[in-house]
């Protein structure tokens, strides 16, 4: 399912920053139990991580100077478009995939 970009409050540069961050720390997201996060969905456009503590969502909101509730709403909307994961106790973090040119 294609993402609805109208629901995304992040700028293109913020999406790229997040994608590069995921690429750098991909091993930890996928294999480190201490991150309190797990990859719950992936396709050719996005990777969705469940942030079980909310700390990562707080950090991204702070880094981007975005209100946490606005970023949370964006992430929930985007995650629900591609996944039926139960977000009642975790925050989704949606990482776009970078297309290699």
PDB file of N, CA and C in Angstrom:
ATOM      1  N   UNK A   1       0.843  -1.171   0.000  1.00  0.00           N
ATOM      2  CA  UNK A   1       0.000   0.000   0.000  1.00  0.00           C
ATOM      3  C   UNK A   1       0.895   1.243   0.000  1.00  0.00           C
ATOM      4  N   UNK A   2       0.596   2.200  -0.846  1.00  0.00           N
ATOM      5  CA  UNK A   2       1.396   3.408  -0.948  1.00  0.00           C
ATOM      6  C   UNK A   2       1.057   4.354   0.194  1.00  0.00           C
ATOM      7  N   UNK A   3       2.091   4.985   0.731  1.00  0.00           N
ATOM      8  CA  UNK A   3       1.878   5.919   1.828  1.00  0.00           C
ATOM      9  C   UNK A   3       1.185   7.183   1.343  1.00  0.00           C
ATOM     10  N   UNK A   4       0.335   7.744   2.170  1.00  0.00           N
ATOM     11  CA  UNK A   4      -0.299   9.017   1.895  1.00  0.00           C
ATOM     12  C   UNK A   4       0.614  10.107   2.442  1.00  0.00           C
ATOM     13  N   UNK A   5       1.328  10.784   1.557  1.00  0.00           N
ATOM     14  CA  UNK A   5       2.297  11.780   2.005  1.00  0.00           C
ATOM     15  C   UNK A   5       1.632  13.008   2.623  1.00  0.00           C
ATOM     16  N   UNK A   6       0.340  13.224   2.362  1.00  0.00           N
ATOM     17  CA  UNK A   6      -0.361  14.346   2.982  1.00  0.00           C
ATOM     18  C   UNK A   6      -0.418  14.194   4.496  1.00  0.00           C
ATOM     19  N   UNK A   7      -0.347  12.963   4.987  1.00  0.00           N
ATOM     20  CA  UNK A   7      -0.429  12.701   6.424  1.00  0.00           C
ATOM     21  C   UNK A   7       0.933  12.822   7.106  1.00  0.00           C
ATOM     22  N   UNK A   8       1.964  13.097   6.344  1.00  0.00           N
ATOM     23  CA  UNK A   8       3.327  13.097   6.872  1.00  0.00           C
ATOM     24  C   UNK A   8       3.788  14.523   7.155  1.00  0.00           C
ATOM     25  N   UNK A   9       3.991  14.829   8.435  1.00  0.00           N
ATOM     26  CA  UNK A   9       4.413  16.164   8.844  1.00  0.00           C
ATOM     27  C   UNK A   9       5.916  16.381   8.683  1.00  0.00           C
ATOM     28  N   UNK A  10       6.662  15.323   8.318  1.00  0.00           N
ATOM     29  CA  UNK A  10       8.113  15.439   8.189  1.00  0.00           C
ATOM     30  C   UNK A  10       8.491  16.024   6.826  1.00  0.00           C
ATOM     31  N   UNK A  11       9.577  16.769   6.820  1.00  0.00           N
ATOM     32  CA  UNK A  11      10.105  17.294   5.564  1.00  0.00           C
ATOM     33  C   UNK A  11      10.909  16.203   4.864  1.00  0.00           C
ATOM     34  N   UNK A  12      11.222  16.430   3.601  1.00  0.00           N
ATOM     35  CA  UNK A  12      12.042  15.455   2.870  1.00  0.00           C
ATOM     36  C   UNK A  12      13.401  15.274   3.537  1.00  0.00           C
ATOM     37  N   UNK A  13      14.015  16.351   4.004  1.00  0.00           N
ATOM     38  CA  UNK A  13      15.325  16.232   4.656  1.00  0.00           C
ATOM     39  C   UNK A  13      15.217  15.453   5.962  1.00  0.00           C
ATOM     40  N   UNK A  14      14.121  15.600   6.679  1.00  0.00           N
ATOM     41  CA  UNK A  14      13.919  14.825   7.904  1.00  0.00           C
ATOM     42  C   UNK A  14      13.733  13.347   7.589  1.00  0.00           C
ATOM     43  N   UNK A  15      13.015  13.034   6.515  1.00  0.00           N
ATOM     44  CA  UNK A  15      12.844  11.640   6.102  1.00  0.00           C
ATOM     45  C   UNK A  15      14.186  11.021   5.744  1.00  0.00           C
ATOM     46  N   UNK A  16      15.017  11.794   5.039  1.00  0.00           N
ATOM     47  CA  UNK A  16      16.346  11.306   4.662  1.00  0.00           C
ATOM     48  C   UNK A  16      17.204  11.090   5.896  1.00  0.00           C
ATOM     49  N   UNK A  17      17.163  12.038   6.832  1.00  0.00           N
ATOM     50  CA  UNK A  17      17.930  11.895   8.076  1.00  0.00           C
ATOM     51  C   UNK A  17      17.520  10.629   8.827  1.00  0.00           C
ATOM     52  N   UNK A  18      16.221  10.382   8.892  1.00  0.00           N
ATOM     53  CA  UNK A  18      15.737   9.187   9.582  1.00  0.00           C
ATOM     54  C   UNK A  18      16.168   7.920   8.842  1.00  0.00           C
ATOM     55  N   UNK A  19      16.079   7.936   7.521  1.00  0.00           N
ATOM     56  CA  UNK A  19      16.478   6.768   6.727  1.00  0.00           C
ATOM     57  C   UNK A  19      17.956   6.470   6.910  1.00  0.00           C
ATOM     58  N   UNK A  20      18.780   7.503   6.906  1.00  0.00           N
ATOM     59  CA  UNK A  20      20.217   7.310   7.106  1.00  0.00           C
ATOM     60  C   UNK A  20      20.506   6.787   8.510  1.00  0.00           C
ATOM     61  N   UNK A  21      19.764   7.286   9.490  1.00  0.00           N
ATOM     62  CA  UNK A  21      19.907   6.796  10.866  1.00  0.00           C
ATOM     63  C   UNK A  21      19.583   5.310  10.935  1.00  0.00           C
ATOM     64  N   UNK A  22      18.469   4.914  10.295  1.00  0.00           N
ATOM     65  CA  UNK A  22      18.111   3.497  10.321  1.00  0.00           C
ATOM     66  C   UNK A  22      19.199   2.651   9.679  1.00  0.00           C
ATOM     67  N   UNK A  23      19.708   3.098   8.539  1.00  0.00           N
ATOM     68  CA  UNK A  23      20.766   2.337   7.867  1.00  0.00           C
ATOM     69  C   UNK A  23      21.985   2.169   8.780  1.00  0.00           C
ATOM     70  N   UNK A  24      22.328   3.228   9.511  1.00  0.00           N
ATOM     71  CA  UNK A  24      23.492   3.178  10.397  1.00  0.00           C
ATOM     72  C   UNK A  24      23.274   2.231  11.573  1.00  0.00           C
ATOM     73  N   UNK A  25      22.060   2.194  12.107  1.00  0.00           N
ATOM     74  CA  UNK A  25      21.774   1.412  13.303  1.00  0.00           C
ATOM     75  C   UNK A  25      20.857   0.216  13.023  1.00  0.00           C
ATOM     76  N   UNK A  26      20.800  -0.205  11.779  1.00  0.00           N
ATOM     77  CA  UNK A  26      19.893  -1.287  11.397  1.00  0.00           C
ATOM     78  C   UNK A  26      20.119  -2.557  12.211  1.00  0.00           C
ATOM     79  N   UNK A  27      21.357  -2.910  12.423  1.00  0.00           N
ATOM     80  CA  UNK A  27      21.648  -4.129  13.180  1.00  0.00           C
ATOM     81  C   UNK A  27      21.022  -4.073  14.577  1.00  0.00           C
ATOM     82  N   UNK A  28      21.153  -2.939  15.242  1.00  0.00           N
ATOM     83  CA  UNK A  28      20.584  -2.799  16.588  1.00  0.00           C
ATOM     84  C   UNK A  28      19.061  -2.909  16.558  1.00  0.00           C
ATOM     85  N   UNK A  29      18.426  -2.264  15.575  1.00  0.00           N
ATOM     86  CA  UNK A  29      16.965  -2.350  15.481  1.00  0.00           C
ATOM     87  C   UNK A  29      16.504  -3.785  15.265  1.00  0.00           C
ATOM     88  N   UNK A  30      17.255  -4.524  14.493  1.00  0.00           N
ATOM     89  CA  UNK A  30      16.824  -5.870  14.134  1.00  0.00           C
ATOM     90  C   UNK A  30      17.259  -6.941  15.137  1.00  0.00           C
ATOM     91  N   UNK A  31      18.359  -6.711  15.870  1.00  0.00           N
ATOM     92  CA  UNK A  31      18.937  -7.808  16.648  1.00  0.00           C
ATOM     93  C   UNK A  31      19.274  -7.494  18.099  1.00  0.00           C
ATOM     94  N   UNK A  32      19.126  -6.276  18.563  1.00  0.00           N
ATOM     95  CA  UNK A  32      19.537  -5.914  19.915  1.00  0.00           C
ATOM     96  C   UNK A  32      18.305  -5.785  20.807  1.00  0.00           C
ATOM     97  N   UNK A  33      18.162  -6.688  21.754  1.00  0.00           N
ATOM     98  CA  UNK A  33      17.014  -6.667  22.655  1.00  0.00           C
ATOM     99  C   UNK A  33      17.019  -5.463  23.589  1.00  0.00           C
ATOM    100  N   UNK A  34      18.169  -4.803  23.751  1.00  0.00           N
ATOM    101  CA  UNK A  34      18.274  -3.661  24.657  1.00  0.00           C
ATOM    102  C   UNK A  34      17.737  -2.363  24.055  1.00  0.00           C
ATOM    103  N   UNK A  35      17.366  -2.356  22.785  1.00  0.00           N
ATOM    104  CA  UNK A  35      16.894  -1.124  22.163  1.00  0.00           C
ATOM    105  C   UNK A  35      15.453  -0.802  22.521  1.00  0.00           C
ATOM    106  N   UNK A  36      14.707  -1.772  23.052  1.00  0.00           N
ATOM    107  CA  UNK A  36      13.288  -1.594  23.348  1.00  0.00           C
ATOM    108  C   UNK A  36      12.501  -1.187  22.110  1.00  0.00           C
ATOM    109  N   UNK A  37      12.979  -1.662  20.963  1.00  0.00           N
ATOM    110  CA  UNK A  37      12.309  -1.409  19.698  1.00  0.00           C
ATOM    111  C   UNK A  37      12.446  -2.652  18.833  1.00  0.00           C
ATOM    112  N   UNK A  38      11.492  -2.828  17.925  1.00  0.00           N
ATOM    113  CA  UNK A  38      11.580  -3.971  17.017  1.00  0.00           C
ATOM    114  C   UNK A  38      10.959  -3.618  15.677  1.00  0.00           C
ATOM    115  N   UNK A  39      11.530  -4.173  14.631  1.00  0.00           N
ATOM    116  CA  UNK A  39      10.959  -4.014  13.298  1.00  0.00           C
ATOM    117  C   UNK A  39       9.705  -4.874  13.238  1.00  0.00           C
ATOM    118  N   UNK A  40       8.566  -4.233  12.936  1.00  0.00           N
ATOM    119  CA  UNK A  40       7.304  -4.971  12.889  1.00  0.00           C
ATOM    120  C   UNK A  40       6.715  -5.034  11.492  1.00  0.00           C
ATOM    121  N   UNK A  41       7.256  -4.239  10.568  1.00  0.00           N
ATOM    122  CA  UNK A  41       6.768  -4.249   9.193  1.00  0.00           C
ATOM    123  C   UNK A  41       7.863  -3.707   8.284  1.00  0.00           C
ATOM    124  N   UNK A  42       7.914  -4.274   7.079  1.00  0.00           N
ATOM    125  CA  UNK A  42       8.861  -3.774   6.098  1.00  0.00           C
ATOM    126  C   UNK A  42       8.356  -4.102   4.707  1.00  0.00           C
ATOM    127  N   UNK A  43       8.488  -3.153   3.806  1.00  0.00           N
ATOM    128  CA  UNK A  43       8.228  -3.400   2.395  1.00  0.00           C
ATOM    129  C   UNK A  43       9.296  -2.665   1.598  1.00  0.00           C
ATOM    130  N   UNK A  44       9.081  -2.461   0.328  1.00  0.00           N
ATOM    131  CA  UNK A  44      10.116  -1.830  -0.489  1.00  0.00           C
ATOM    132  C   UNK A  44      10.201  -0.316  -0.306  1.00  0.00           C
ATOM    133  N   UNK A  45       9.266   0.284   0.450  1.00  0.00           N
ATOM    134  CA  UNK A  45       9.271   1.729   0.664  1.00  0.00           C
ATOM    135  C   UNK A  45       9.574   2.164   2.093  1.00  0.00           C
ATOM    136  N   UNK A  46       9.137   1.369   3.069  1.00  0.00           N
ATOM    137  CA  UNK A  46       9.270   1.777   4.470  1.00  0.00           C
ATOM    138  C   UNK A  46       9.638   0.609   5.378  1.00  0.00           C
ATOM    139  N   UNK A  47      10.159   0.991   6.543  1.00  0.00           N
ATOM    140  CA  UNK A  47      10.388   0.064   7.645  1.00  0.00           C
ATOM    141  C   UNK A  47       9.683   0.688   8.845  1.00  0.00           C
ATOM    142  N   UNK A  48       8.856  -0.101   9.513  1.00  0.00           N
ATOM    143  CA  UNK A  48       8.124   0.398  10.682  1.00  0.00           C
ATOM    144  C   UNK A  48       8.675  -0.301  11.913  1.00  0.00           C
ATOM    145  N   UNK A  49       9.082   0.514  12.877  1.00  0.00           N
ATOM    146  CA  UNK A  49       9.654   0.029  14.126  1.00  0.00           C
ATOM    147  C   UNK A  49       8.690   0.349  15.255  1.00  0.00           C
ATOM    148  N   UNK A  50       8.450  -0.621  16.116  1.00  0.00           N
ATOM    149  CA  UNK A  50       7.647  -0.389  17.320  1.00  0.00           C
ATOM    150  C   UNK A  50       8.587   0.094  18.420  1.00  0.00           C
ATOM    151  N   UNK A  51       8.362   1.312  18.888  1.00  0.00           N
ATOM    152  CA  UNK A  51       9.138   1.930  19.967  1.00  0.00           C
ATOM    153  C   UNK A  51       8.389   1.650  21.267  1.00  0.00           C
ATOM    154  N   UNK A  52       8.855   0.657  22.011  1.00  0.00           N
ATOM    155  CA  UNK A  52       8.117   0.191  23.183  1.00  0.00           C
ATOM    156  C   UNK A  52       8.223   1.124  24.390  1.00  0.00           C
ATOM    157  N   UNK A  53       9.142   2.057  24.388  1.00  0.00           N
ATOM    158  CA  UNK A  53       9.288   2.967  25.530  1.00  0.00           C
ATOM    159  C   UNK A  53       8.848   4.396  25.225  1.00  0.00           C
ATOM    160  N   UNK A  54       8.753   4.751  23.960  1.00  0.00           N
ATOM    161  CA  UNK A  54       8.419   6.123  23.582  1.00  0.00           C
ATOM    162  C   UNK A  54       9.609   7.051  23.560  1.00  0.00           C
ATOM    163  N   UNK A  55      10.762   6.563  24.008  1.00  0.00           N
ATOM    164  CA  UNK A  55      11.945   7.417  24.063  1.00  0.00           C
ATOM    165  C   UNK A  55      12.417   7.851  22.679  1.00  0.00           C
ATOM    166  N   UNK A  56      12.360   6.936  21.720  1.00  0.00           N
ATOM    167  CA  UNK A  56      12.844   7.287  20.387  1.00  0.00           C
ATOM    168  C   UNK A  56      11.947   8.336  19.739  1.00  0.00           C
ATOM    169  N   UNK A  57      10.648   8.193  19.897  1.00  0.00           N
ATOM    170  CA  UNK A  57       9.735   9.198  19.357  1.00  0.00           C
ATOM    171  C   UNK A  57      10.021  10.561  19.987  1.00  0.00           C
ATOM    172  N   UNK A  58      10.280  10.575  21.291  1.00  0.00           N
ATOM    173  CA  UNK A  58      10.635  11.829  21.972  1.00  0.00           C
ATOM    174  C   UNK A  58      11.887  12.452  21.360  1.00  0.00           C
ATOM    175  N   UNK A  59      12.894  11.614  21.093  1.00  0.00           N
ATOM    176  CA  UNK A  59      14.154  12.115  20.528  1.00  0.00           C
ATOM    177  C   UNK A  59      13.962  12.695  19.137  1.00  0.00           C
ATOM    178  N   UNK A  60      13.193  12.000  18.284  1.00  0.00           N
ATOM    179  CA  UNK A  60      12.960  12.517  16.934  1.00  0.00           C
ATOM    180  C   UNK A  60      12.183  13.824  16.993  1.00  0.00           C
ATOM    181  N   UNK A  61      11.187  13.912  17.837  1.00  0.00           N
ATOM    182  CA  UNK A  61      10.412  15.153  17.957  1.00  0.00           C
ATOM    183  C   UNK A  61      11.320  16.295  18.399  1.00  0.00           C
ATOM    184  N   UNK A  62      12.170  16.028  19.369  1.00  0.00           N
ATOM    185  CA  UNK A  62      13.103  17.044  19.852  1.00  0.00           C
ATOM    186  C   UNK A  62      14.100  17.442  18.761  1.00  0.00           C
ATOM    187  N   UNK A  63      14.669  16.444  18.085  1.00  0.00           N
ATOM    188  CA  UNK A  63      15.638  16.721  17.023  1.00  0.00           C
ATOM    189  C   UNK A  63      15.042  17.577  15.912  1.00  0.00           C
ATOM    190  N   UNK A  64      13.774  17.335  15.587  1.00  0.00           N
ATOM    191  CA  UNK A  64      13.142  18.038  14.484  1.00  0.00           C
ATOM    192  C   UNK A  64      12.409  19.306  14.912  1.00  0.00           C
ATOM    193  N   UNK A  65      12.328  19.541  16.221  1.00  0.00           N
ATOM    194  CA  UNK A  65      11.599  20.708  16.707  1.00  0.00           C
ATOM    195  C   UNK A  65      10.111  20.617  16.412  1.00  0.00           C
ATOM    196  N   UNK A  66       9.597  19.383  16.456  1.00  0.00           N
ATOM    197  CA  UNK A  66       8.187  19.118  16.192  1.00  0.00           C
ATOM    198  C   UNK A  66       7.528  18.739  17.513  1.00  0.00           C
ATOM    199  N   UNK A  67       6.299  19.141  17.692  1.00  0.00           N
ATOM    200  CA  UNK A  67       5.535  18.734  18.857  1.00  0.00           C
ATOM    201  C   UNK A  67       5.408  17.206  18.862  1.00  0.00           C
ATOM    202  N   UNK A  68       5.672  16.589  20.002  1.00  0.00           N
ATOM    203  CA  UNK A  68       5.647  15.128  20.086  1.00  0.00           C
ATOM    204  C   UNK A  68       4.304  14.559  19.661  1.00  0.00           C
ATOM    205  N   UNK A  69       3.219  15.182  20.083  1.00  0.00           N
ATOM    206  CA  UNK A  69       1.893  14.656  19.737  1.00  0.00           C
ATOM    207  C   UNK A  69       1.634  14.741  18.234  1.00  0.00           C
ATOM    208  N   UNK A  70       2.145  15.782  17.586  1.00  0.00           N
ATOM    209  CA  UNK A  70       1.998  15.905  16.135  1.00  0.00           C
ATOM    210  C   UNK A  70       2.787  14.804  15.427  1.00  0.00           C
ATOM    211  N   UNK A  71       4.030  14.580  15.874  1.00  0.00           N
ATOM    212  CA  UNK A  71       4.842  13.529  15.270  1.00  0.00           C
ATOM    213  C   UNK A  71       4.229  12.156  15.541  1.00  0.00           C
ATOM    214  N   UNK A  72       3.719  11.942  16.741  1.00  0.00           N
ATOM    215  CA  UNK A  72       3.075  10.672  17.077  1.00  0.00           C
ATOM    216  C   UNK A  72       1.875  10.430  16.172  1.00  0.00           C
ATOM    217  N   UNK A  73       1.064  11.436  15.971  1.00  0.00           N
ATOM    218  CA  UNK A  73      -0.102  11.299  15.095  1.00  0.00           C
ATOM    219  C   UNK A  73       0.333  10.956  13.679  1.00  0.00           C
ATOM    220  N   UNK A  74       1.369  11.633  13.186  1.00  0.00           N
ATOM    221  CA  UNK A  74       1.898  11.345  11.851  1.00  0.00           C
ATOM    222  C   UNK A  74       2.353   9.895  11.758  1.00  0.00           C
ATOM    223  N   UNK A  75       3.151   9.467  12.724  1.00  0.00           N
ATOM    224  CA  UNK A  75       3.697   8.113  12.699  1.00  0.00           C
ATOM    225  C   UNK A  75       2.590   7.062  12.805  1.00  0.00           C
ATOM    226  N   UNK A  76       1.597   7.297  13.663  1.00  0.00           N
ATOM    227  CA  UNK A  76       0.487   6.353  13.775  1.00  0.00           C
ATOM    228  C   UNK A  76      -0.289   6.266  12.461  1.00  0.00           C
ATOM    229  N   UNK A  77      -0.548   7.396  11.847  1.00  0.00           N
ATOM    230  CA  UNK A  77      -1.273   7.409  10.573  1.00  0.00           C
ATOM    231  C   UNK A  77      -0.510   6.636   9.503  1.00  0.00           C
ATOM    232  N   UNK A  78       0.789   6.918   9.378  1.00  0.00           N
ATOM    233  CA  UNK A  78       1.602   6.236   8.371  1.00  0.00           C
ATOM    234  C   UNK A  78       1.697   4.743   8.641  1.00  0.00           C
ATOM    235  N   UNK A  79       1.905   4.377   9.900  1.00  0.00           N
ATOM    236  CA  UNK A  79       2.050   2.962  10.250  1.00  0.00           C
ATOM    237  C   UNK A  79       0.759   2.196   9.999  1.00  0.00           C
ATOM    238  N   UNK A  80      -0.365   2.808  10.314  1.00  0.00           N
ATOM    239  CA  UNK A  80      -1.649   2.117  10.114  1.00  0.00           C
ATOM    240  C   UNK A  80      -1.973   1.923   8.632  1.00  0.00           C
ATOM    241  N   UNK A  81      -1.386   2.741   7.777  1.00  0.00           N
ATOM    242  CA  UNK A  81      -1.613   2.595   6.337  1.00  0.00           C
ATOM    243  C   UNK A  81      -0.959   1.333   5.786  1.00  0.00           C
ATOM    244  N   UNK A  82       0.068   0.844   6.460  1.00  0.00           N
ATOM    245  CA  UNK A  82       0.804  -0.304   5.925  1.00  0.00           C
ATOM    246  C   UNK A  82       0.764  -1.543   6.819  1.00  0.00           C
ATOM    247  N   UNK A  83       0.359  -1.394   8.072  1.00  0.00           N
ATOM    248  CA  UNK A  83       0.462  -2.505   9.009  1.00  0.00           C
ATOM    249  C   UNK A  83      -0.762  -2.548   9.916  1.00  0.00           C
ATOM    250  N   UNK A  84      -1.125  -3.753  10.314  1.00  0.00           N
ATOM    251  CA  UNK A  84      -2.233  -3.900  11.258  1.00  0.00           C
ATOM    252  C   UNK A  84      -1.724  -4.177  12.676  1.00  0.00           C
ATOM    253  N   UNK A  85      -0.472  -3.830  12.945  1.00  0.00           N
ATOM    254  CA  UNK A  85       0.127  -4.009  14.271  1.00  0.00           C
ATOM    255  C   UNK A  85      -0.697  -3.253  15.316  1.00  0.00           C
ATOM    256  N   UNK A  86      -0.808  -3.800  16.508  1.00  0.00           N
ATOM    257  CA  UNK A  86      -1.560  -3.173  17.601  1.00  0.00           C
ATOM    258  C   UNK A  86      -0.678  -2.113  18.267  1.00  0.00           C
ATOM    259  N   UNK A  87      -0.982  -0.847  18.028  1.00  0.00           N
ATOM    260  CA  UNK A  87      -0.169   0.263  18.540  1.00  0.00           C
ATOM    261  C   UNK A  87      -0.652   0.779  19.893  1.00  0.00           C
ATOM    262  N   UNK A  88      -1.435   0.009  20.611  1.00  0.00           N
ATOM    263  CA  UNK A  88      -1.988   0.498  21.876  1.00  0.00           C
ATOM    264  C   UNK A  88      -0.938   0.697  22.966  1.00  0.00           C
ATOM    265  N   UNK A  89       0.214  -0.001  22.888  1.00  0.00           N
ATOM    266  CA  UNK A  89       1.231   0.140  23.936  1.00  0.00           C
ATOM    267  C   UNK A  89       2.604   0.542  23.398  1.00  0.00           C
ATOM    268  N   UNK A  90       2.701   0.795  22.102  1.00  0.00           N
ATOM    269  CA  UNK A  90       3.976   1.191  21.494  1.00  0.00           C
ATOM    270  C   UNK A  90       3.749   2.328  20.516  1.00  0.00           C
ATOM    271  N   UNK A  91       4.779   3.103  20.300  1.00  0.00           N
ATOM    272  CA  UNK A  91       4.731   4.147  19.288  1.00  0.00           C
ATOM    273  C   UNK A  91       5.409   3.657  18.023  1.00  0.00           C
ATOM    274  N   UNK A  92       4.794   3.895  16.862  1.00  0.00           N
ATOM    275  CA  UNK A  92       5.468   3.528  15.625  1.00  0.00           C
ATOM    276  C   UNK A  92       6.476   4.595  15.213  1.00  0.00           C
ATOM    277  N   UNK A  93       7.588   4.134  14.669  1.00  0.00           N
ATOM    278  CA  UNK A  93       8.555   5.016  14.025  1.00  0.00           C
ATOM    279  C   UNK A  93       8.666   4.510  12.589  1.00  0.00           C
ATOM    280  N   UNK A  94       8.327   5.352  11.637  1.00  0.00           N
ATOM    281  CA  UNK A  94       8.318   4.967  10.236  1.00  0.00           C
ATOM    282  C   UNK A  94       9.562   5.541   9.565  1.00  0.00           C
ATOM    283  N   UNK A  95      10.390   4.640   9.063  1.00  0.00           N
ATOM    284  CA  UNK A  95      11.598   5.020   8.342  1.00  0.00           C
ATOM    285  C   UNK A  95      11.382   4.764   6.860  1.00  0.00           C
ATOM    286  N   UNK A  96      11.544   5.783   6.045  1.00  0.00           N
ATOM    287  CA  UNK A  96      11.490   5.594   4.606  1.00  0.00           C
ATOM    288  C   UNK A  96      12.783   4.943   4.154  1.00  0.00           C
ATOM    289  N   UNK A  97      12.697   4.169   3.098  1.00  0.00           N
ATOM    290  CA  UNK A  97      13.903   3.580   2.526  1.00  0.00           C
ATOM    291  C   UNK A  97      14.476   4.540   1.497  1.00  0.00           C
ATOM    292  N   UNK A  98      15.775   4.643   1.490  1.00  0.00           N
ATOM    293  CA  UNK A  98      16.466   5.493   0.523  1.00  0.00           C
ATOM    294  C   UNK A  98      16.682   4.694  -0.753  1.00  0.00           C
ATOM    295  N   UNK A  99      16.286   5.281  -1.870  1.00  0.00           N
ATOM    296  CA  UNK A  99      16.530   4.633  -3.147  1.00  0.00           C
ATOM    297  C   UNK A  99      17.925   4.974  -3.621  1.00  0.00           C
ATOM    298  N   UNK A 100      18.702   3.941  -3.895  1.00  0.00           N
ATOM    299  CA  UNK A 100      20.052   4.157  -4.413  1.00  0.00           C
ATOM    300  C   UNK A 100      19.961   4.571  -5.870  1.00  0.00           C
ATOM    301  N   UNK A 101      20.695   5.611  -6.195  1.00  0.00           N
ATOM    302  CA  UNK A 101      20.662   6.091  -7.585  1.00  0.00           C
ATOM    303  C   UNK A 101      21.888   5.675  -8.323  1.00  0.00           C
TER     304      UNK A 101
END
